[in-house]
C-alpha atoms as a PDB file:
ATOM      1  CA  MET A   1       0.000   0.000   0.000  1.00  0.00           C
ATOM      2  CA  LYS A   2       1.304   3.407  -0.980  1.00  0.00           C
ATOM      3  CA  GLN A   3       2.320   5.521   2.043  1.00  0.00           C
ATOM      4  CA  PRO A   4       0.716   8.969   2.209  1.00  0.00           C
ATOM      5  CA  THR A   5       2.849  12.000   1.481  1.00  0.00           C
ATOM      6  CA  SER A   6       2.693  15.405   3.128  1.00  0.00           C
ATOM      7  CA  ALA A   7       0.727  16.626   0.137  1.00  0.00           C
ATOM      8  CA  ASP A   8      -1.747  13.754   0.578  1.00  0.00           C
ATOM      9  CA  ARG A   9      -2.294  14.671   4.199  1.00  0.00           C
ATOM     10  CA  ARG A  10      -2.664  18.363   3.518  1.00  0.00           C
ATOM     11  CA  LYS A  11      -5.238  17.616   0.831  1.00  0.00           C
ATOM     12  CA  PHE A  12      -7.561  16.530   3.626  1.00  0.00           C
ATOM     13  CA  LEU A  13      -7.439  20.070   5.014  1.00  0.00           C
ATOM     14  CA  LYS A  14      -9.428  21.291   2.041  1.00  0.00           C
ATOM     15  CA  THR A  15     -12.273  18.780   2.426  1.00  0.00           C
ATOM     16  CA  GLY A  16     -15.687  19.729   3.704  1.00  0.00           C
ATOM     17  CA  GLY A  17     -16.742  19.524   7.341  1.00  0.00           C
ATOM     18  CA  ALA A  18     -20.112  17.829   6.807  1.00  0.00           C
ATOM     19  CA  VAL A  19     -19.154  14.560   8.498  1.00  0.00           C
ATOM     20  CA  ALA A  20     -17.681  16.254  11.572  1.00  0.00           C
ATOM     21  CA  ALA A  21     -20.619  18.651  11.776  1.00  0.00           C
ATOM     22  CA  GLY A  22     -23.055  15.749  11.704  1.00  0.00           C
ATOM     23  CA  ILE A  23     -21.161  13.975  14.470  1.00  0.00           C
ATOM     24  CA  LEU A  24     -21.293  17.027  16.723  1.00  0.00           C
ATOM     25  CA  ALA A  25     -24.951  17.694  15.998  1.00  0.00           C
ATOM     26  CA  SER A  26     -25.976  14.134  16.814  1.00  0.00           C
ATOM     27  CA  GLY A  27     -23.705  13.793  19.831  1.00  0.00           C
ATOM     28  CA  ALA A  28     -22.385  10.503  18.427  1.00  0.00           C
ATOM     29  CA  MET A  29     -18.811   9.448  19.031  1.00  0.00           C
ATOM     30  CA  PRO A  30     -16.564   9.961  15.995  1.00  0.00           C
ATOM     31  CA  ALA A  31     -15.593   6.872  14.043  1.00  0.00           C
ATOM     32  CA  ARG A  32     -11.896   6.072  13.928  1.00  0.00           C
ATOM     33  CA  ALA A  33     -11.459   6.294  10.179  1.00  0.00           C
ATOM     34  CA  SER A  34      -8.447   4.533   8.682  1.00  0.00           C
ATOM     35  CA  VAL A  35      -7.735   6.895   5.837  1.00  0.00           C
ATOM     36  CA  THR A  36      -3.983   7.061   6.278  1.00  0.00           C
ATOM     37  CA  THR A  37      -1.385   5.455   8.504  1.00  0.00           C
ATOM     38  CA  LEU A  38       0.534   7.346  11.156  1.00  0.00           C
ATOM     39  CA  PRO A  39       4.110   6.387  11.979  1.00  0.00           C
ATOM     40  CA  ALA A  40       4.879   4.748  15.311  1.00  0.00           C
ATOM     41  CA  LEU A  41       4.901   6.953  18.387  1.00  0.00           C
ATOM     42  CA  PRO A  42       8.122   8.959  18.726  1.00  0.00           C
ATOM     43  CA  VAL A  43      10.971   7.482  20.737  1.00  0.00           C
ATOM     44  CA  ASN A  44      13.796   9.420  22.358  1.00  0.00           C
ATOM     45  CA  ALA A  45      16.243   6.686  23.352  1.00  0.00           C
ATOM     46  CA  ARG A  46      17.698   8.879  26.132  1.00  0.00           C
ATOM     47  CA  THR A  47      14.502   9.556  28.074  1.00  0.00           C
ATOM     48  CA  GLN A  48      14.265   6.479  30.287  1.00  0.00           C
ATOM     49  CA  ALA A  49      17.822   6.895  31.547  1.00  0.00           C
ATOM     50  CA  GLU A  50      17.604  10.658  32.049  1.00  0.00           C
ATOM     51  CA  MET A  51      14.412  11.198  34.068  1.00  0.00           C
ATOM     52  CA  PRO A  52      11.303   9.467  35.424  1.00  0.00           C
ATOM     53  CA  THR A  53       8.513   8.890  32.915  1.00  0.00           C
ATOM     54  CA  ARG A  54       4.748   8.699  33.292  1.00  0.00           C
ATOM     55  CA  ASN A  55       1.859   7.607  31.101  1.00  0.00           C
ATOM     56  CA  LEU A  56       0.367  10.389  29.016  1.00  0.00           C
ATOM     57  CA  GLY A  57      -3.135   9.320  29.977  1.00  0.00           C
ATOM     58  CA  LYS A  58      -4.417   6.505  27.790  1.00  0.00           C
ATOM     59  CA  THR A  59      -2.382   7.487  24.731  1.00  0.00           C
ATOM     60  CA  GLY A  60       0.201   4.747  25.201  1.00  0.00           C
ATOM     61  CA  TYR A  61       3.002   7.317  25.302  1.00  0.00           C
ATOM     62  CA  LYS A  62       5.561   7.392  28.104  1.00  0.00           C
ATOM     63  CA  VAL A  63       6.484  11.026  28.628  1.00  0.00           C
ATOM     64  CA  GLY A  64       9.392  12.413  30.614  1.00  0.00           C
ATOM     65  CA  ILE A  65       8.155  14.356  33.629  1.00  0.00           C
ATOM     66  CA  PHE A  66       9.856  17.526  32.357  1.00  0.00           C
ATOM     67  CA  SER A  67       8.890  18.786  28.905  1.00  0.00           C
ATOM     68  CA  LEU A  68       9.973  21.853  26.971  1.00  0.00           C
ATOM     69  CA  GLY A  69       7.512  24.719  26.759  1.00  0.00           C
ATOM     70  CA  GLY A  70       7.168  26.750  23.579  1.00  0.00           C
ATOM     71  CA  GLN A  71       7.417  30.188  25.152  1.00  0.00           C
ATOM     72  CA  ALA A  72      10.325  32.152  26.745  1.00  0.00           C
ATOM     73  CA  ALA A  73      13.252  31.973  24.276  1.00  0.00           C
ATOM     74  CA  LEU A  74      11.112  29.954  21.893  1.00  0.00           C
ATOM     75  CA  GLU A  75       8.635  32.762  21.237  1.00  0.00           C
ATOM     76  CA  ARG A  76      11.065  35.648  20.690  1.00  0.00           C
ATOM     77  CA  ALA A  77      11.484  37.056  17.206  1.00  0.00           C
ATOM     78  CA  ASN A  78      14.542  36.154  15.119  1.00  0.00           C
ATOM     79  CA  ASN A  79      15.945  34.069  17.959  1.00  0.00           C
ATOM     80  CA  PHE A  80      17.145  31.038  15.999  1.00  0.00           C
ATOM     81  CA  ASP A  81      20.664  31.175  17.459  1.00  0.00           C
ATOM     82  CA  ILE A  82      19.336  30.724  20.997  1.00  0.00           C
ATOM     83  CA  ALA A  83      16.029  28.871  20.557  1.00  0.00           C
ATOM     84  CA  VAL A  84      17.173  26.108  18.212  1.00  0.00           C
ATOM     85  CA  PRO A  85      20.130  25.015  20.407  1.00  0.00           C
ATOM     86  CA  ILE A  86      17.763  24.897  23.414  1.00  0.00           C
ATOM     87  CA  ILE A  87      15.480  22.476  21.560  1.00  0.00           C
ATOM     88  CA  GLU A  88      18.425  20.391  20.347  1.00  0.00           C
ATOM     89  CA  ARG A  89      19.881  20.231  23.850  1.00  0.00           C
ATOM     90  CA  ALA A  90      16.491  19.304  25.308  1.00  0.00           C
ATOM     91  CA  LEU A  91      16.302  16.267  23.045  1.00  0.00           C
ATOM     92  CA  ASP A  92      19.906  15.376  23.923  1.00  0.00           C
ATOM     93  CA  LEU A  93      18.914  15.471  27.616  1.00  0.00           C
ATOM     94  CA  GLY A  94      16.033  13.066  27.103  1.00  0.00           C
ATOM     95  CA  VAL A  95      13.131  15.488  26.792  1.00  0.00           C
ATOM     96  CA  ASN A  96      10.589  13.757  24.546  1.00  0.00           C
ATOM     97  CA  TYR A  97       7.639  16.195  24.484  1.00  0.00           C
ATOM     98  CA  LEU A  98       7.743  19.612  22.810  1.00  0.00           C
ATOM     99  CA  ASP A  99       4.986  22.164  23.346  1.00  0.00           C
ATOM    100  CA  THR A 100       4.211  24.980  20.924  1.00  0.00           C
ATOM    101  CA  SER A 101       1.245  26.904  19.530  1.00  0.00           C
ATOM    102  CA  SER A 102       0.068  28.779  16.481  1.00  0.00           C
ATOM    103  CA  ILE A 103       0.021  32.008  18.519  1.00  0.00           C
ATOM    104  CA  TYR A 104       3.435  31.771  20.198  1.00  0.00           C
ATOM    105  CA  GLY A 105       5.697  34.364  18.671  1.00  0.00           C
ATOM    106  CA  GLY A 106       3.004  36.495  17.075  1.00  0.00           C
ATOM    107  CA  PRO A 107       1.811  36.330  13.458  1.00  0.00           C
ATOM    108  CA  GLU A 108       5.189  34.948  12.338  1.00  0.00           C
ATOM    109  CA  ARG A 109       4.668  31.990  14.708  1.00  0.00           C
ATOM    110  CA  TRP A 110       8.321  31.967  15.714  1.00  0.00           C
ATOM    111  CA  SER A 111       7.887  29.128  18.199  1.00  0.00           C
ATOM    112  CA  GLU A 112       6.642  26.734  15.539  1.00  0.00           C
ATOM    113  CA  GLN A 113       9.442  27.896  13.255  1.00  0.00           C
ATOM    114  CA  TYR A 114      12.126  27.020  15.815  1.00  0.00           C
ATOM    115  CA  VAL A 115      10.635  23.630  16.592  1.00  0.00           C
ATOM    116  CA  GLY A 116      10.275  22.968  12.875  1.00  0.00           C
ATOM    117  CA  GLN A 117      13.935  23.725  12.283  1.00  0.00           C
ATOM    118  CA  VAL A 118      14.861  20.867  14.622  1.00  0.00           C
ATOM    119  CA  MET A 119      12.113  18.563  13.369  1.00  0.00           C
ATOM    120  CA  LYS A 120      13.731  18.558   9.924  1.00  0.00           C
ATOM    121  CA  THR A 121      16.161  15.973  11.255  1.00  0.00           C
ATOM    122  CA  ARG A 122      14.792  14.762  14.634  1.00  0.00           C
ATOM    123  CA  ARG A 123      11.032  14.336  14.143  1.00  0.00           C
ATOM    124  CA  GLN A 124      10.872  10.784  15.511  1.00  0.00           C
ATOM    125  CA  GLU A 125      12.540  11.783  18.792  1.00  0.00           C
ATOM    126  CA  ALA A 126       9.800  14.158  19.932  1.00  0.00           C
ATOM    127  CA  PHE A 127       6.094  14.093  20.660  1.00  0.00           C
ATOM    128  CA  VAL A 128       5.036  17.399  19.078  1.00  0.00           C
ATOM    129  CA  ALA A 129       2.058  19.279  20.492  1.00  0.00           C
ATOM    130  CA  THR A 130       0.602  22.454  19.002  1.00  0.00           C
ATOM    131  CA  LYS A 131      -2.650  24.382  19.357  1.00  0.00           C
ATOM    132  CA  THR A 132      -5.343  26.422  17.653  1.00  0.00           C
ATOM    133  CA  LYS A 133      -6.910  29.435  19.330  1.00  0.00           C
ATOM    134  CA  GLU A 134      -9.375  29.815  16.484  1.00  0.00           C
ATOM    135  CA  ARG A 135     -12.934  28.966  17.480  1.00  0.00           C
ATOM    136  CA  THR A 136     -14.224  28.070  14.002  1.00  0.00           C
ATOM    137  CA  ARG A 137     -13.651  25.032  11.837  1.00  0.00           C
ATOM    138  CA  ASP A 138     -12.296  27.039   8.904  1.00  0.00           C
ATOM    139  CA  GLY A 139      -9.995  29.159  11.068  1.00  0.00           C
ATOM    140  CA  SER A 140      -8.624  26.070  12.765  1.00  0.00           C
ATOM    141  CA  MET A 141      -8.092  24.332   9.426  1.00  0.00           C
ATOM    142  CA  ARG A 142      -5.951  27.269   8.326  1.00  0.00           C
ATOM    143  CA  MET A 143      -4.010  27.017  11.598  1.00  0.00           C
ATOM    144  CA  ILE A 144      -3.181  23.314  11.240  1.00  0.00           C
ATOM    145  CA  GLU A 145      -2.228  23.690   7.593  1.00  0.00           C
ATOM    146  CA  LYS A 146       0.310  26.360   8.528  1.00  0.00           C
ATOM    147  CA  SER A 147       1.456  24.415  11.598  1.00  0.00           C
ATOM    148  CA  LEU A 148       2.332  21.377   9.493  1.00  0.00           C
ATOM    149  CA  LYS A 149       4.341  23.554   7.142  1.00  0.00           C
ATOM    150  CA  LEU A 150       6.234  25.430   9.858  1.00  0.00           C
ATOM    151  CA  LEU A 151       6.877  22.290  11.917  1.00  0.00           C
ATOM    152  CA  ASN A 152       8.241  20.439   8.874  1.00  0.00           C
ATOM    153  CA  THR A 153       6.008  17.456   9.441  1.00  0.00           C
ATOM    154  CA  ASP A 154       3.029  15.737   7.860  1.00  0.00           C
ATOM    155  CA  HIS A 155       1.359  15.025  11.209  1.00  0.00           C
ATOM    156  CA  VAL A 156       1.082  16.455  14.714  1.00  0.00           C
ATOM    157  CA  ASP A 157       1.058  14.170  17.751  1.00  0.00           C
ATOM    158  CA  LEU A 158      -1.306  16.380  19.752  1.00  0.00           C
ATOM    159  CA  TRP A 159      -3.558  19.168  18.500  1.00  0.00           C
ATOM    160  CA  GLN A 160      -5.194  21.227  21.225  1.00  0.00           C
ATOM    161  CA  LEU A 161      -7.875  23.856  21.646  1.00  0.00           C
ATOM    162  CA  HIS A 162      -5.895  26.780  23.026  1.00  0.00           C
ATOM    163  CA  ASP A 163      -6.965  28.793  26.077  1.00  0.00           C
ATOM    164  CA  VAL A 164     -10.500  27.646  26.802  1.00  0.00           C
ATOM    165  CA  GLY A 165     -11.488  29.911  29.667  1.00  0.00           C
ATOM    166  CA  LEU A 166     -15.069  31.137  29.316  1.00  0.00           C
ATOM    167  CA  PRO A 167     -18.468  29.538  28.612  1.00  0.00           C
ATOM    168  CA  GLU A 168     -18.649  31.351  25.293  1.00  0.00           C
ATOM    169  CA  ASP A 169     -15.373  29.688  24.248  1.00  0.00           C
ATOM    170  CA  VAL A 170     -16.902  26.262  24.788  1.00  0.00           C
ATOM    171  CA  ASP A 171     -20.161  27.157  23.058  1.00  0.00           C
ATOM    172  CA  ALA A 172     -18.340  28.504  20.003  1.00  0.00           C
ATOM    173  CA  ILE A 173     -16.011  25.520  19.753  1.00  0.00           C
ATOM    174  CA  PHE A 174     -18.858  22.994  19.857  1.00  0.00           C
ATOM    175  CA  ALA A 175     -21.294  24.974  17.674  1.00  0.00           C
ATOM    176  CA  LYS A 176     -21.981  24.037  14.068  1.00  0.00           C
ATOM    177  CA  GLY A 177     -18.962  25.224  12.108  1.00  0.00           C
ATOM    178  CA  GLY A 178     -16.943  25.383  15.317  1.00  0.00           C
ATOM    179  CA  ALA A 179     -13.335  24.371  15.906  1.00  0.00           C
ATOM    180  CA  MET A 180     -14.303  20.929  17.190  1.00  0.00           C
ATOM    181  CA  GLU A 181     -15.276  19.957  13.674  1.00  0.00           C
ATOM    182  CA  ALA A 182     -11.721  20.622  12.514  1.00  0.00           C
ATOM    183  CA  LEU A 183     -10.194  18.653  15.392  1.00  0.00           C
ATOM    184  CA  ILE A 184     -12.378  15.603  14.762  1.00  0.00           C
ATOM    185  CA  GLU A 185     -11.817  15.784  11.011  1.00  0.00           C
ATOM    186  CA  MET A 186      -8.042  15.999  11.302  1.00  0.00           C
ATOM    187  CA  HIS A 187      -7.982  13.215  13.881  1.00  0.00           C
ATOM    188  CA  ASP A 188     -10.030  10.921  11.690  1.00  0.00           C
ATOM    189  CA  GLN A 189      -7.837  11.678   8.687  1.00  0.00           C
ATOM    190  CA  LYS A 190      -4.734  10.849  10.771  1.00  0.00           C
ATOM    191  CA  VAL A 191      -3.291  14.328  10.324  1.00  0.00           C
ATOM    192  CA  VAL A 192      -3.270  14.620  14.115  1.00  0.00           C
ATOM    193  CA  ARG A 193      -2.758  11.685  16.456  1.00  0.00           C
ATOM    194  CA  PHE A 194      -4.474  12.892  19.646  1.00  0.00           C
ATOM    195  CA  LEU A 195      -6.781  15.742  20.693  1.00  0.00           C
ATOM    196  CA  GLY A 196      -6.522  17.989  23.732  1.00  0.00           C
ATOM    197  CA  VAL A 197      -7.797  21.105  25.432  1.00  0.00           C
ATOM    198  CA  THR A 198      -5.872  23.790  27.316  1.00  0.00           C
ATOM    199  CA  GLY A 199      -6.660  26.583  29.746  1.00  0.00           C
ATOM    200  CA  HIS A 200      -5.611  28.580  32.789  1.00  0.00           C
ATOM    201  CA  TYR A 201      -8.289  31.232  33.286  1.00  0.00           C
ATOM    202  CA  ARG A 202     -11.289  29.479  34.909  1.00  0.00           C
ATOM    203  CA  PRO A 203     -11.859  25.793  35.712  1.00  0.00           C
ATOM    204  CA  GLU A 204     -15.591  25.672  34.929  1.00  0.00           C
ATOM    205  CA  ALA A 205     -15.214  26.120  31.160  1.00  0.00           C
ATOM    206  CA  LEU A 206     -12.628  23.346  31.000  1.00  0.00           C
ATOM    207  CA  MET A 207     -14.862  21.047  33.013  1.00  0.00           C
ATOM    208  CA  ASP A 208     -17.677  21.713  30.543  1.00  0.00           C
ATOM    209  CA  ALA A 209     -15.395  21.009  27.575  1.00  0.00           C
ATOM    210  CA  VAL A 210     -14.065  17.687  28.869  1.00  0.00           C
ATOM    211  CA  ASN A 211     -17.600  16.588  29.729  1.00  0.00           C
ATOM    212  CA  ARG A 212     -18.689  17.286  26.147  1.00  0.00           C
ATOM    213  CA  TYR A 213     -15.919  15.346  24.392  1.00  0.00           C
ATOM    214  CA  PRO A 214     -13.445  12.591  25.409  1.00  0.00           C
ATOM    215  CA  PHE A 215     -10.234  14.532  24.863  1.00  0.00           C
ATOM    216  CA  ASP A 216      -6.981  12.606  25.226  1.00  0.00           C
ATOM    217  CA  THR A 217      -5.178  15.325  27.196  1.00  0.00           C
ATOM    218  CA  ILE A 218      -5.587  18.524  29.134  1.00  0.00           C
ATOM    219  CA  LEU A 219      -2.946  21.225  29.550  1.00  0.00           C
ATOM    220  CA  MET A 220      -3.815  23.156  32.697  1.00  0.00           C
ATOM    221  CA  ALA A 221      -2.243  25.746  34.990  1.00  0.00           C
ATOM    222  CA  MET A 222      -0.993  24.156  38.199  1.00  0.00           C
ATOM    223  CA  ASN A 223       1.343  25.882  40.619  1.00  0.00           C
ATOM    224  CA  ALA A 224       1.744  26.293  44.363  1.00  0.00           C
ATOM    225  CA  ALA A 225      -0.576  29.317  44.437  1.00  0.00           C
ATOM    226  CA  ASP A 226      -3.448  27.608  42.612  1.00  0.00           C
ATOM    227  CA  ALA A 227      -5.563  26.810  45.658  1.00  0.00           C
ATOM    228  CA  HIS A 228      -5.969  30.493  46.551  1.00  0.00           C
ATOM    229  CA  ILE A 229      -7.779  31.833  43.443  1.00  0.00           C
ATOM    230  CA  HIS A 230     -10.186  29.958  41.119  1.00  0.00           C
ATOM    231  CA  SER A 231      -8.506  26.677  41.983  1.00  0.00           C
ATOM    232  CA  PHE A 232      -8.036  24.096  39.248  1.00  0.00           C
ATOM    233  CA  THR A 233      -7.006  21.406  41.714  1.00  0.00           C
ATOM    234  CA  ASP A 234     -10.296  21.382  43.641  1.00  0.00           C
ATOM    235  CA  GLN A 235     -12.727  20.155  40.973  1.00  0.00           C
ATOM    236  CA  LEU A 236     -11.067  20.112  37.556  1.00  0.00           C
ATOM    237  CA  LEU A 237      -8.134  17.899  38.532  1.00  0.00           C
ATOM    238  CA  PRO A 238     -10.265  15.120  40.083  1.00  0.00           C
ATOM    239  CA  LEU A 239     -12.515  15.166  37.004  1.00  0.00           C
ATOM    240  CA  VAL A 240      -9.708  14.724  34.479  1.00  0.00           C
ATOM    241  CA  VAL A 241      -8.034  12.082  36.654  1.00  0.00           C
ATOM    242  CA  GLU A 242     -11.326  10.174  36.663  1.00  0.00           C
ATOM    243  CA  LYS A 243     -11.428  10.432  32.865  1.00  0.00           C
ATOM    244  CA  GLN A 244      -7.855   9.078  32.684  1.00  0.00           C
ATOM    245  CA  MET A 245      -6.688  11.999  30.579  1.00  0.00           C
ATOM    246  CA  GLY A 246      -3.058  12.872  30.053  1.00  0.00           C
ATOM    247  CA  ILE A 247      -2.526  15.865  32.347  1.00  0.00           C
ATOM    248  CA  ILE A 248       0.145  18.411  31.447  1.00  0.00           C
ATOM    249  CA  GLY A 249       0.942  21.029  34.081  1.00  0.00           C
ATOM    250  CA  MET A 250       1.857  24.564  33.039  1.00  0.00           C
ATOM    251  CA  LYS A 251       2.545  27.958  34.640  1.00  0.00           C
ATOM    252  CA  VAL A 252       4.646  26.065  37.211  1.00  0.00           C
ATOM    253  CA  PRO A 253       6.878  29.047  38.179  1.00  0.00           C
ATOM    254  CA  ALA A 254       4.290  31.579  36.863  1.00  0.00           C
ATOM    255  CA  ARG A 255       6.754  33.143  34.419  1.00  0.00           C
ATOM    256  CA  GLY A 256       9.140  33.441  37.363  1.00  0.00           C
ATOM    257  CA  ARG A 257       6.693  35.373  39.572  1.00  0.00           C
ATOM    258  CA  LEU A 258       6.564  32.548  42.109  1.00  0.00           C
ATOM    259  CA  LEU A 259      10.359  32.387  42.464  1.00  0.00           C
ATOM    260  CA  SER A 260      12.422  34.211  45.084  1.00  0.00           C
ATOM    261  CA  SER A 261      15.081  34.830  42.408  1.00  0.00           C
ATOM    262  CA  TRP A 262      12.630  36.902  40.321  1.00  0.00           C
ATOM    263  CA  THR A 263      12.861  40.693  40.261  1.00  0.00           C
ATOM    264  CA  PRO A 264       9.611  42.519  39.386  1.00  0.00           C
ATOM    265  CA  PRO A 265       9.895  44.742  36.309  1.00  0.00           C
ATOM    266  CA  SER A 266       9.194  48.431  36.711  1.00  0.00           C
ATOM    267  CA  LEU A 267       5.593  49.474  37.248  1.00  0.00           C
ATOM    268  CA  GLU A 268       5.540  51.062  33.795  1.00  0.00           C
ATOM    269  CA  GLN A 269       6.784  47.853  32.161  1.00  0.00           C
ATOM    270  CA  GLN A 270       4.192  45.782  33.968  1.00  0.00           C
ATOM    271  CA  GLN A 271       1.354  48.150  33.053  1.00  0.00           C
ATOM    272  CA  HIS A 272       2.217  47.738  29.372  1.00  0.00           C
ATOM    273  CA  SER A 273       2.350  43.957  29.616  1.00  0.00           C
ATOM    274  CA  TRP A 274      -0.608  41.596  29.419  1.00  0.00           C
ATOM    275  CA  GLU A 275       0.496  40.393  32.854  1.00  0.00           C
ATOM    276  CA  GLY A 276      -0.120  43.891  34.210  1.00  0.00           C
ATOM    277  CA  SER A 277      -3.560  43.124  35.586  1.00  0.00           C
ATOM    278  CA  ALA A 278      -1.770  41.498  38.531  1.00  0.00           C
ATOM    279  CA  ILE A 279       0.938  44.023  39.393  1.00  0.00           C
ATOM    280  CA  ALA A 280       3.838  42.508  41.321  1.00  0.00           C
ATOM    281  CA  THR A 281       5.725  44.588  43.867  1.00  0.00           C
ATOM    282  CA  SER A 282       7.916  41.882  45.394  1.00  0.00           C
ATOM    283  CA  PRO A 283       9.855  38.776  44.354  1.00  0.00           C
ATOM    284  CA  GLY A 284       8.333  35.344  44.740  1.00  0.00           C
ATOM    285  CA  VAL A 285       8.816  33.054  47.701  1.00  0.00           C
ATOM    286  CA  MET A 286      10.337  29.733  46.617  1.00  0.00           C
ATOM    287  CA  LYS A 287      13.007  28.017  44.552  1.00  0.00           C
ATOM    288  CA  MET A 288      12.407  26.390  41.196  1.00  0.00           C
ATOM    289  CA  ARG A 289      12.921  22.973  42.763  1.00  0.00           C
ATOM    290  CA  ASP A 290      10.050  23.605  45.204  1.00  0.00           C
ATOM    291  CA  ALA A 291       7.778  24.931  42.469  1.00  0.00           C
ATOM    292  CA  MET A 292       8.378  22.008  40.109  1.00  0.00           C
ATOM    293  CA  HIS A 293       8.238  19.320  42.778  1.00  0.00           C
ATOM    294  CA  PHE A 294       4.956  20.783  44.079  1.00  0.00           C
ATOM    295  CA  THR A 295       3.274  20.380  40.699  1.00  0.00           C
ATOM    296  CA  LEU A 296       4.863  17.000  39.982  1.00  0.00           C
ATOM    297  CA  THR A 297       3.545  15.619  43.278  1.00  0.00           C
ATOM    298  CA  HIS A 298       0.062  15.921  41.744  1.00  0.00           C
ATOM    299  CA  PRO A 299      -1.200  13.225  39.320  1.00  0.00           C
ATOM    300  CA  VAL A 300       0.181  14.978  36.246  1.00  0.00           C
ATOM    301  CA  SER A 301       1.859  13.232  33.324  1.00  0.00           C
ATOM    302  CA  THR A 302       4.455  15.957  32.794  1.00  0.00           C
ATOM    303  CA  VAL A 303       5.075  19.671  33.214  1.00  0.00           C
ATOM    304  CA  ILE A 304       5.985  22.080  30.436  1.00  0.00           C
ATOM    305  CA  ILE A 305       8.334  24.940  31.233  1.00  0.00           C
ATOM    306  CA  GLY A 306       9.748  27.522  28.854  1.00  0.00           C
ATOM    307  CA  CYS A 307      13.467  28.242  29.122  1.00  0.00           C
ATOM    308  CA  ASP A 308      15.484  31.370  28.388  1.00  0.00           C
ATOM    309  CA  ASN A 309      18.784  29.567  27.882  1.00  0.00           C
ATOM    310  CA  ILE A 310      20.484  26.190  28.021  1.00  0.00           C
ATOM    311  CA  ALA A 311      21.576  26.668  31.642  1.00  0.00           C
ATOM    312  CA  GLN A 312      17.931  26.993  32.725  1.00  0.00           C
ATOM    313  CA  LEU A 313      17.016  23.949  30.676  1.00  0.00           C
ATOM    314  CA  GLU A 314      19.761  21.854  32.251  1.00  0.00           C
ATOM    315  CA  GLU A 315      18.753  22.970  35.744  1.00  0.00           C
ATOM    316  CA  ASN A 316      15.130  21.989  35.097  1.00  0.00           C
ATOM    317  CA  VAL A 317      16.076  18.574  33.753  1.00  0.00           C
ATOM    318  CA  GLN A 318      18.256  18.002  36.829  1.00  0.00           C
ATOM    319  CA  ILE A 319      15.349  18.954  39.118  1.00  0.00           C
ATOM    320  CA  ALA A 320      13.112  16.490  37.275  1.00  0.00           C
ATOM    321  CA  ARG A 321      15.786  13.799  37.455  1.00  0.00           C
ATOM    322  CA  GLU A 322      15.959  14.159  41.245  1.00  0.00           C
ATOM    323  CA  PHE A 323      12.210  14.324  41.837  1.00  0.00           C
ATOM    324  CA  THR A 324      10.676  12.547  44.796  1.00  0.00           C
ATOM    325  CA  PRO A 325       7.059  13.235  45.819  1.00  0.00           C
ATOM    326  CA  LEU A 326       6.509  15.759  48.589  1.00  0.00           C
ATOM    327  CA  SER A 327       4.669  14.850  51.775  1.00  0.00           C
ATOM    328  CA  GLN A 328       1.263  16.311  52.560  1.00  0.00           C
ATOM    329  CA  LYS A 329       2.934  18.498  55.181  1.00  0.00           C
ATOM    330  CA  GLN A 330       5.469  19.815  52.637  1.00  0.00           C
ATOM    331  CA  MET A 331       2.712  20.489  50.107  1.00  0.00           C
ATOM    332  CA  ALA A 332       0.647  22.392  52.669  1.00  0.00           C
ATOM    333  CA  ALA A 333       3.670  24.454  53.686  1.00  0.00           C
ATOM    334  CA  LEU A 334       4.393  25.487  50.078  1.00  0.00           C
ATOM    335  CA  ASN A 335       0.748  26.300  49.513  1.00  0.00           C
ATOM    336  CA  GLU A 336       0.753  28.548  52.573  1.00  0.00           C
ATOM    337  CA  LEU A 337       4.075  30.090  51.553  1.00  0.00           C
ATOM    338  CA  ALA A 338       2.606  31.091  48.198  1.00  0.00           C
ATOM    339  CA  ALA A 339      -0.444  32.845  49.661  1.00  0.00           C
ATOM    340  CA  PRO A 340       1.082  36.384  49.866  1.00  0.00           C
ATOM    341  CA  VAL A 341       2.147  36.237  46.189  1.00  0.00           C
ATOM    342  CA  ALA A 342      -0.905  34.343  44.937  1.00  0.00           C
ATOM    343  CA  LYS A 343      -2.278  37.143  42.759  1.00  0.00           C
ATOM    344  CA  GLN A 344       0.999  37.857  40.977  1.00  0.00           C
ATOM    345  CA  SER A 345       1.590  34.102  40.576  1.00  0.00           C
ATOM    346  CA  LEU A 346      -1.877  33.651  39.065  1.00  0.00           C
ATOM    347  CA  PHE A 347      -1.780  36.766  36.870  1.00  0.00           C
ATOM    348  CA  PHE A 348      -3.342  34.743  34.033  1.00  0.00           C
ATOM    349  CA  ARG A 349      -6.615  34.562  35.989  1.00  0.00           C
ATOM    350  CA  PHE A 350      -7.018  38.347  36.024  1.00  0.00           C
ATOM    351  CA  THR A 351      -7.081  39.236  32.350  1.00  0.00           C
ATOM    352  CA  ASP A 352      -9.146  38.563  29.246  1.00  0.00           C
ATOM    353  CA  ARG A 353      -6.355  39.733  26.939  1.00  0.00           C
ATOM    354  CA  SER A 354      -4.488  37.190  24.808  1.00  0.00           C
ATOM    355  CA  ARG A 355      -4.112  34.695  27.574  1.00  0.00           C
ATOM    356  CA  GLY A 356      -1.168  32.509  26.428  1.00  0.00           C
END
């Protein structure tokens, strides 16, 4: 049987959405169409020796507990000389999951460009996850078509609905002509392997989304301050554990705002940033080791963290390598420690603007 080419796969992007629309309207589960054949799951031969691994839900993938986020150095413009070596070094250190998105790095989608540069030669070493923030089928189809091109691949391992935070997000996604049609269509055509949902603004919308469709994964904000404001760990986490989803933790150090080593930018800089709705006047309260180990003690599959340089990356991998679960007493102490900086550490729950 002839193996499909990239052009064959991309041809599916131009097909109609009638089948997916009918599935959503009827509430029926999508059929697992066998239109094309995906390659075997990626394998990074270094992962098992370098860090603990966990099941990515029911996907069958064993993911290292530290994964590389697609922001920080990976979203800055014209940053190939720094971003690409970070990705290469991550794979060398056993990282086997790479996170990116169609909105990281602005309209030029720098993050996908950097990942794609590495995927030219190392595609089968990394589980590649990207996202669409479009709420319509057609908009999402345009996003995945461009993602495949920039990532230098003919398939994506995980395609996610980006930043689901409000009831209207969920309603739009699941409406006729909504983004869910694109996700189901691309899954059934084997252009994407698994489907996921992401969010960090409010837990209720994510709970609604995962109750409407059996997503394979959820990417959710989880850090030591979470319990203090619109907690995701109270109701959302038990729900997705019950559904046996792959759970990816993000916002672990809150863009540094949870860390004692962080220095708040000037008031003027913060006011002009989308993080400015939660003005910070003091450093954080803990070390990166505490922040990461706190999140990893929860039933997550992995955590994604963006890195500014290779030294940060290597430190994070070392922290993951040395992970042992915290006791209930240690967890409670870190939770209490984070209380005074909870708002600045959960800045993403105080803004409706381009929540990344």
